[in-house]
Amino acid sequence: MKEWFYDICQMEAYRQQQREFDDWIANAQSCGIKEFEACAKTYRAWRKEILNAFKYGLTNGPTEGFNNKIKVLKRSSYGIRNFKRFRTRILHCTS
């Protein structure tokens, strides 16, 4: 199942990806493994968004990474009370 999903992610033809993804979800829901069934339920709920990621090749990964960098700076700043100074530090470290 896992390898099948990886193969779907690597496919070039979007229509084939769509069909295979739907087949994968159907098989995962009926395989009897609760983890795959839960995964299939989530994938079914997010089907449109996942297919858009396949089609356009875009993710929110860079945004998540940027937000994580800010969280790390916030933790390592030991509660800088001056917002302007904190903002300047974020801009300096992320540019």
C-alpha atoms as a PDB file:
ATOM      1  CA  MET A   1       0.000   0.000   0.000  1.00  0.00           C
ATOM      2  CA  LYS A   2       2.754   2.417   0.960  1.00  0.00           C
ATOM      3  CA  GLU A   3       4.768   1.764  -2.192  1.00  0.00           C
ATOM      4  CA  TRP A   4       1.629   2.050  -4.297  1.00  0.00           C
ATOM      5  CA  PHE A   5       0.988   5.508  -2.852  1.00  0.00           C
ATOM      6  CA  TYR A   6       4.598   6.548  -3.556  1.00  0.00           C
ATOM      7  CA  ASP A   7       4.135   5.369  -7.143  1.00  0.00           C
ATOM      8  CA  ILE A   8       0.976   7.480  -7.437  1.00  0.00           C
ATOM      9  CA  CYS A   9       2.875  10.548  -6.230  1.00  0.00           C
ATOM     10  CA  GLN A  10       5.550  10.022  -8.899  1.00  0.00           C
ATOM     11  CA  MET A  11       3.144   9.621 -11.842  1.00  0.00           C
ATOM     12  CA  GLU A  12       3.312  12.178 -14.649  1.00  0.00           C
ATOM     13  CA  ALA A  13      -0.237  11.847 -16.034  1.00  0.00           C
ATOM     14  CA  TYR A  14      -2.725  13.703 -13.813  1.00  0.00           C
ATOM     15  CA  ARG A  15      -5.810  11.744 -14.951  1.00  0.00           C
ATOM     16  CA  GLN A  16      -4.092   8.457 -14.201  1.00  0.00           C
ATOM     17  CA  GLN A  17      -3.009   9.832 -10.817  1.00  0.00           C
ATOM     18  CA  GLN A  18      -6.611  10.737 -10.082  1.00  0.00           C
ATOM     19  CA  ARG A  19      -7.901   7.237 -10.904  1.00  0.00           C
ATOM     20  CA  GLU A  20      -5.103   5.489  -9.020  1.00  0.00           C
ATOM     21  CA  PHE A  21      -5.571   7.750  -5.993  1.00  0.00           C
ATOM     22  CA  ASP A  22      -9.283   6.916  -5.855  1.00  0.00           C
ATOM     23  CA  ASP A  23      -8.470   3.195  -6.207  1.00  0.00           C
ATOM     24  CA  TRP A  24      -5.874   3.495  -3.448  1.00  0.00           C
ATOM     25  CA  ILE A  25      -8.407   5.109  -1.106  1.00  0.00           C
ATOM     26  CA  ALA A  26     -10.975   2.379  -1.840  1.00  0.00           C
ATOM     27  CA  ASN A  27      -8.420  -0.376  -1.179  1.00  0.00           C
ATOM     28  CA  ALA A  28      -7.126   1.305   1.972  1.00  0.00           C
ATOM     29  CA  GLN A  29     -10.657   1.593   3.362  1.00  0.00           C
ATOM     30  CA  SER A  30     -11.314  -2.111   2.863  1.00  0.00           C
ATOM     31  CA  CYS A  31      -7.887  -3.576   3.709  1.00  0.00           C
ATOM     32  CA  GLY A  32      -8.672  -4.268   7.375  1.00  0.00           C
ATOM     33  CA  ILE A  33      -5.690  -2.323   8.737  1.00  0.00           C
ATOM     34  CA  LYS A  34      -7.035   0.412  10.993  1.00  0.00           C
ATOM     35  CA  GLU A  35      -4.151   2.817  10.292  1.00  0.00           C
ATOM     36  CA  PHE A  36      -4.710   2.651   6.539  1.00  0.00           C
ATOM     37  CA  GLU A  37      -8.469   2.977   7.043  1.00  0.00           C
ATOM     38  CA  ALA A  38      -7.953   6.144   9.108  1.00  0.00           C
ATOM     39  CA  CYS A  39      -5.517   7.475   6.502  1.00  0.00           C
ATOM     40  CA  ALA A  40      -8.012   6.755   3.711  1.00  0.00           C
ATOM     41  CA  LYS A  41     -10.731   8.609   5.615  1.00  0.00           C
ATOM     42  CA  THR A  42      -8.479  11.663   5.920  1.00  0.00           C
ATOM     43  CA  TYR A  43      -7.427  11.462   2.263  1.00  0.00           C
ATOM     44  CA  ARG A  44     -11.068  11.223   1.198  1.00  0.00           C
ATOM     45  CA  ALA A  45     -11.862  14.392   3.190  1.00  0.00           C
ATOM     46  CA  TRP A  46      -8.884  16.237   1.642  1.00  0.00           C
ATOM     47  CA  ARG A  47      -9.168  14.663  -1.828  1.00  0.00           C
ATOM     48  CA  LYS A  48      -9.558  17.922  -3.754  1.00  0.00           C
ATOM     49  CA  GLU A  49      -6.581  19.550  -2.055  1.00  0.00           C
ATOM     50  CA  ILE A  50      -4.357  16.481  -2.486  1.00  0.00           C
ATOM     51  CA  LEU A  51      -5.231  16.212  -6.173  1.00  0.00           C
ATOM     52  CA  ASN A  52      -4.425  19.918  -6.600  1.00  0.00           C
ATOM     53  CA  ALA A  53      -1.014  19.264  -5.045  1.00  0.00           C
ATOM     54  CA  PHE A  54      -0.486  16.464  -7.581  1.00  0.00           C
ATOM     55  CA  LYS A  55      -1.637  18.666 -10.443  1.00  0.00           C
ATOM     56  CA  TYR A  56       0.301  21.836  -9.646  1.00  0.00           C
ATOM     57  CA  GLY A  57       3.198  20.470  -7.593  1.00  0.00           C
ATOM     58  CA  LEU A  58       2.804  23.146  -4.929  1.00  0.00           C
ATOM     59  CA  THR A  59       2.814  22.693  -1.167  1.00  0.00           C
ATOM     60  CA  ASN A  60       2.758  24.932   1.875  1.00  0.00           C
ATOM     61  CA  GLY A  61       6.129  23.529   2.983  1.00  0.00           C
ATOM     62  CA  PRO A  62       8.066  26.802   2.593  1.00  0.00           C
ATOM     63  CA  THR A  63       5.469  28.654   4.672  1.00  0.00           C
ATOM     64  CA  GLU A  64       5.540  25.974   7.374  1.00  0.00           C
ATOM     65  CA  GLY A  65       9.339  26.153   7.452  1.00  0.00           C
ATOM     66  CA  PHE A  66       9.281  29.935   7.767  1.00  0.00           C
ATOM     67  CA  ASN A  67       6.751  29.747  10.629  1.00  0.00           C
ATOM     68  CA  ASN A  68       8.875  27.110  12.354  1.00  0.00           C
ATOM     69  CA  LYS A  69      11.948  29.333  12.097  1.00  0.00           C
ATOM     70  CA  ILE A  70      10.023  32.169  13.781  1.00  0.00           C
ATOM     71  CA  LYS A  71       8.868  29.817  16.570  1.00  0.00           C
ATOM     72  CA  VAL A  72      12.459  28.713  17.179  1.00  0.00           C
ATOM     73  CA  LEU A  73      13.580  32.354  17.334  1.00  0.00           C
ATOM     74  CA  LYS A  74      10.765  33.111  19.757  1.00  0.00           C
ATOM     75  CA  ARG A  75      11.816  30.243  22.051  1.00  0.00           C
ATOM     76  CA  SER A  76      15.476  31.220  21.961  1.00  0.00           C
ATOM     77  CA  SER A  77      14.740  34.904  22.615  1.00  0.00           C
ATOM     78  CA  TYR A  78      13.711  34.250  26.221  1.00  0.00           C
ATOM     79  CA  GLY A  79      10.737  36.572  25.995  1.00  0.00           C
ATOM     80  CA  ILE A  80      12.038  39.749  24.398  1.00  0.00           C
ATOM     81  CA  ARG A  81       9.597  42.361  25.694  1.00  0.00           C
ATOM     82  CA  ASN A  82      10.213  44.910  22.987  1.00  0.00           C
ATOM     83  CA  PHE A  83       8.172  43.844  19.942  1.00  0.00           C
ATOM     84  CA  LYS A  84      10.084  46.132  17.587  1.00  0.00           C
ATOM     85  CA  ARG A  85      13.378  44.498  18.589  1.00  0.00           C
ATOM     86  CA  PHE A  86      11.867  41.013  18.210  1.00  0.00           C
ATOM     87  CA  ARG A  87      10.484  41.898  14.771  1.00  0.00           C
ATOM     88  CA  THR A  88      13.888  43.231  13.720  1.00  0.00           C
ATOM     89  CA  ARG A  89      15.531  39.998  14.880  1.00  0.00           C
ATOM     90  CA  ILE A  90      13.040  37.919  12.867  1.00  0.00           C
ATOM     91  CA  LEU A  91      13.636  40.016   9.755  1.00  0.00           C
ATOM     92  CA  HIS A  92      17.398  39.787  10.195  1.00  0.00           C
ATOM     93  CA  CYS A  93      17.434  36.009  10.733  1.00  0.00           C
ATOM     94  CA  THR A  94      14.983  35.140   7.966  1.00  0.00           C
ATOM     95  CA  SER A  95      16.232  37.319   5.147  1.00  0.00           C
END
